[in-house]
Amino acid sequence: MRRSVRFYDDNNFPNGFIYQGFSVEEAAILDNYGLTMKGLLDGSLIPESDEEKSFLVGVKNEDKSISLFVQCWLKYYDKL
């Protein structure tokens, strides 16, 4: 998964992810990879690796067992 600039969602999580029910590890994943995950899902980024392709499949099928990235994104989406 490509690392990106820090991902913020001040509209839904104004105090950051860690204060909204995410673990330290989950918050770090969203902070560091959230823009990449969002871009893959909205089509503004094209998957460049098998990991990114698996992420798309996992989110589409809501299969949290595929990776921690899928698990974090689905948890983020559920809290919106």
C-alpha atoms as a PDB file:
ATOM      1  CA  MET A   1       0.000   0.000   0.000  1.00  0.00           C
ATOM      2  CA  ARG A   2       1.338   3.409  -0.919  1.00  0.00           C
ATOM      3  CA  ARG A   3       1.981   5.780   1.916  1.00  0.00           C
ATOM      4  CA  SER A   4       0.572   9.259   1.401  1.00  0.00           C
ATOM      5  CA  VAL A   5       0.409  12.587   3.128  1.00  0.00           C
ATOM      6  CA  ARG A   6      -1.557  12.507   6.354  1.00  0.00           C
ATOM      7  CA  PHE A   7      -5.264  11.759   6.006  1.00  0.00           C
ATOM      8  CA  TYR A   8      -7.643  13.961   7.970  1.00  0.00           C
ATOM      9  CA  ASP A   9     -11.408  13.819   8.269  1.00  0.00           C
ATOM     10  CA  ASP A  10     -12.111  16.897  10.345  1.00  0.00           C
ATOM     11  CA  ASN A  11     -15.810  16.821   9.475  1.00  0.00           C
ATOM     12  CA  ASN A  12     -16.422  13.406  11.021  1.00  0.00           C
ATOM     13  CA  PHE A  13     -13.437  13.017  13.361  1.00  0.00           C
ATOM     14  CA  PRO A  14     -12.382  16.523  14.410  1.00  0.00           C
ATOM     15  CA  ASN A  15     -10.265  15.241  17.313  1.00  0.00           C
ATOM     16  CA  GLY A  16      -8.488  12.602  15.246  1.00  0.00           C
ATOM     17  CA  PHE A  17      -9.103   8.902  14.835  1.00  0.00           C
ATOM     18  CA  ILE A  18      -7.519   7.753  18.080  1.00  0.00           C
ATOM     19  CA  TYR A  19     -10.094   9.649  20.132  1.00  0.00           C
ATOM     20  CA  GLN A  20     -13.004   8.173  18.215  1.00  0.00           C
ATOM     21  CA  GLY A  21     -12.725   4.475  19.022  1.00  0.00           C
ATOM     22  CA  PHE A  22      -9.782   3.481  16.833  1.00  0.00           C
ATOM     23  CA  SER A  23      -6.763   1.713  18.281  1.00  0.00           C
ATOM     24  CA  VAL A  24      -3.337   3.331  18.010  1.00  0.00           C
ATOM     25  CA  GLU A  25      -2.459   0.940  15.172  1.00  0.00           C
ATOM     26  CA  GLU A  26      -5.725   1.583  13.302  1.00  0.00           C
ATOM     27  CA  ALA A  27      -5.341   5.353  13.692  1.00  0.00           C
ATOM     28  CA  ALA A  28      -1.782   5.155  12.333  1.00  0.00           C
ATOM     29  CA  ILE A  29      -2.954   3.176   9.301  1.00  0.00           C
ATOM     30  CA  LEU A  30      -5.700   5.685   8.559  1.00  0.00           C
ATOM     31  CA  ASP A  31      -3.345   8.630   9.088  1.00  0.00           C
ATOM     32  CA  ASN A  32      -0.656   7.238   6.787  1.00  0.00           C
ATOM     33  CA  TYR A  33      -2.630   5.331   4.145  1.00  0.00           C
ATOM     34  CA  GLY A  34      -6.132   6.815   4.286  1.00  0.00           C
ATOM     35  CA  LEU A  35      -5.718   9.041   1.226  1.00  0.00           C
ATOM     36  CA  THR A  36      -4.432   6.100  -0.785  1.00  0.00           C
ATOM     37  CA  MET A  37      -7.315   3.893   0.326  1.00  0.00           C
ATOM     38  CA  LYS A  38      -9.833   6.643  -0.424  1.00  0.00           C
ATOM     39  CA  GLY A  39      -8.275   7.260  -3.846  1.00  0.00           C
ATOM     40  CA  LEU A  40      -8.380   3.572  -4.726  1.00  0.00           C
ATOM     41  CA  LEU A  41     -12.042   3.399  -3.794  1.00  0.00           C
ATOM     42  CA  ASP A  42     -13.137   6.565  -5.598  1.00  0.00           C
ATOM     43  CA  GLY A  43     -11.138   5.684  -8.713  1.00  0.00           C
ATOM     44  CA  SER A  44      -8.732   8.607  -8.580  1.00  0.00           C
ATOM     45  CA  LEU A  45      -5.869   6.125  -8.040  1.00  0.00           C
ATOM     46  CA  ILE A  46      -5.210   2.941  -9.964  1.00  0.00           C
ATOM     47  CA  PRO A  47      -4.030  -0.088  -7.956  1.00  0.00           C
ATOM     48  CA  GLU A  48      -0.281  -0.562  -8.396  1.00  0.00           C
ATOM     49  CA  SER A  49       0.237  -3.720  -6.363  1.00  0.00           C
ATOM     50  CA  ASP A  50      -1.468  -6.967  -5.451  1.00  0.00           C
ATOM     51  CA  GLU A  51      -1.993  -5.568  -1.959  1.00  0.00           C
ATOM     52  CA  GLU A  52      -3.953  -2.623  -3.357  1.00  0.00           C
ATOM     53  CA  LYS A  53      -6.009  -4.924  -5.592  1.00  0.00           C
ATOM     54  CA  SER A  54      -6.755  -7.169  -2.596  1.00  0.00           C
ATOM     55  CA  PHE A  55      -7.792  -4.100  -0.618  1.00  0.00           C
ATOM     56  CA  LEU A  56     -10.391  -3.207  -3.251  1.00  0.00           C
ATOM     57  CA  VAL A  57     -11.751  -6.754  -3.316  1.00  0.00           C
ATOM     58  CA  GLY A  58     -11.831  -6.911   0.472  1.00  0.00           C
ATOM     59  CA  VAL A  59     -13.727  -3.650   0.865  1.00  0.00           C
ATOM     60  CA  LYS A  60     -16.168  -4.551  -1.904  1.00  0.00           C
ATOM     61  CA  ASN A  61     -16.888  -7.921  -0.274  1.00  0.00           C
ATOM     62  CA  GLU A  62     -16.615  -6.541   3.290  1.00  0.00           C
ATOM     63  CA  ASP A  63     -14.059  -9.258   4.032  1.00  0.00           C
ATOM     64  CA  LYS A  64     -12.076  -8.010   7.029  1.00  0.00           C
ATOM     65  CA  SER A  65      -9.875 -11.105   6.977  1.00  0.00           C
ATOM     66  CA  ILE A  66      -8.029  -9.937   3.849  1.00  0.00           C
ATOM     67  CA  SER A  67      -5.886  -7.318   5.570  1.00  0.00           C
ATOM     68  CA  LEU A  68      -5.653  -4.797   8.363  1.00  0.00           C
ATOM     69  CA  PHE A  69      -6.116  -2.075   5.737  1.00  0.00           C
ATOM     70  CA  VAL A  70      -9.539  -3.488   4.834  1.00  0.00           C
ATOM     71  CA  GLN A  71     -10.454  -3.878   8.495  1.00  0.00           C
ATOM     72  CA  CYS A  72      -9.513  -0.257   9.263  1.00  0.00           C
ATOM     73  CA  TRP A  73     -11.317   1.178   6.251  1.00  0.00           C
ATOM     74  CA  LEU A  74     -14.524  -0.746   6.975  1.00  0.00           C
ATOM     75  CA  LYS A  75     -14.410   0.383  10.604  1.00  0.00           C
ATOM     76  CA  TYR A  76     -13.857   3.979   9.446  1.00  0.00           C
ATOM     77  CA  TYR A  77     -16.754   3.731   6.998  1.00  0.00           C
ATOM     78  CA  ASP A  78     -19.049   2.227   9.649  1.00  0.00           C
ATOM     79  CA  LYS A  79     -18.381   5.177  11.963  1.00  0.00           C
ATOM     80  CA  LEU A  80     -19.262   7.827   9.367  1.00  0.00           C
END
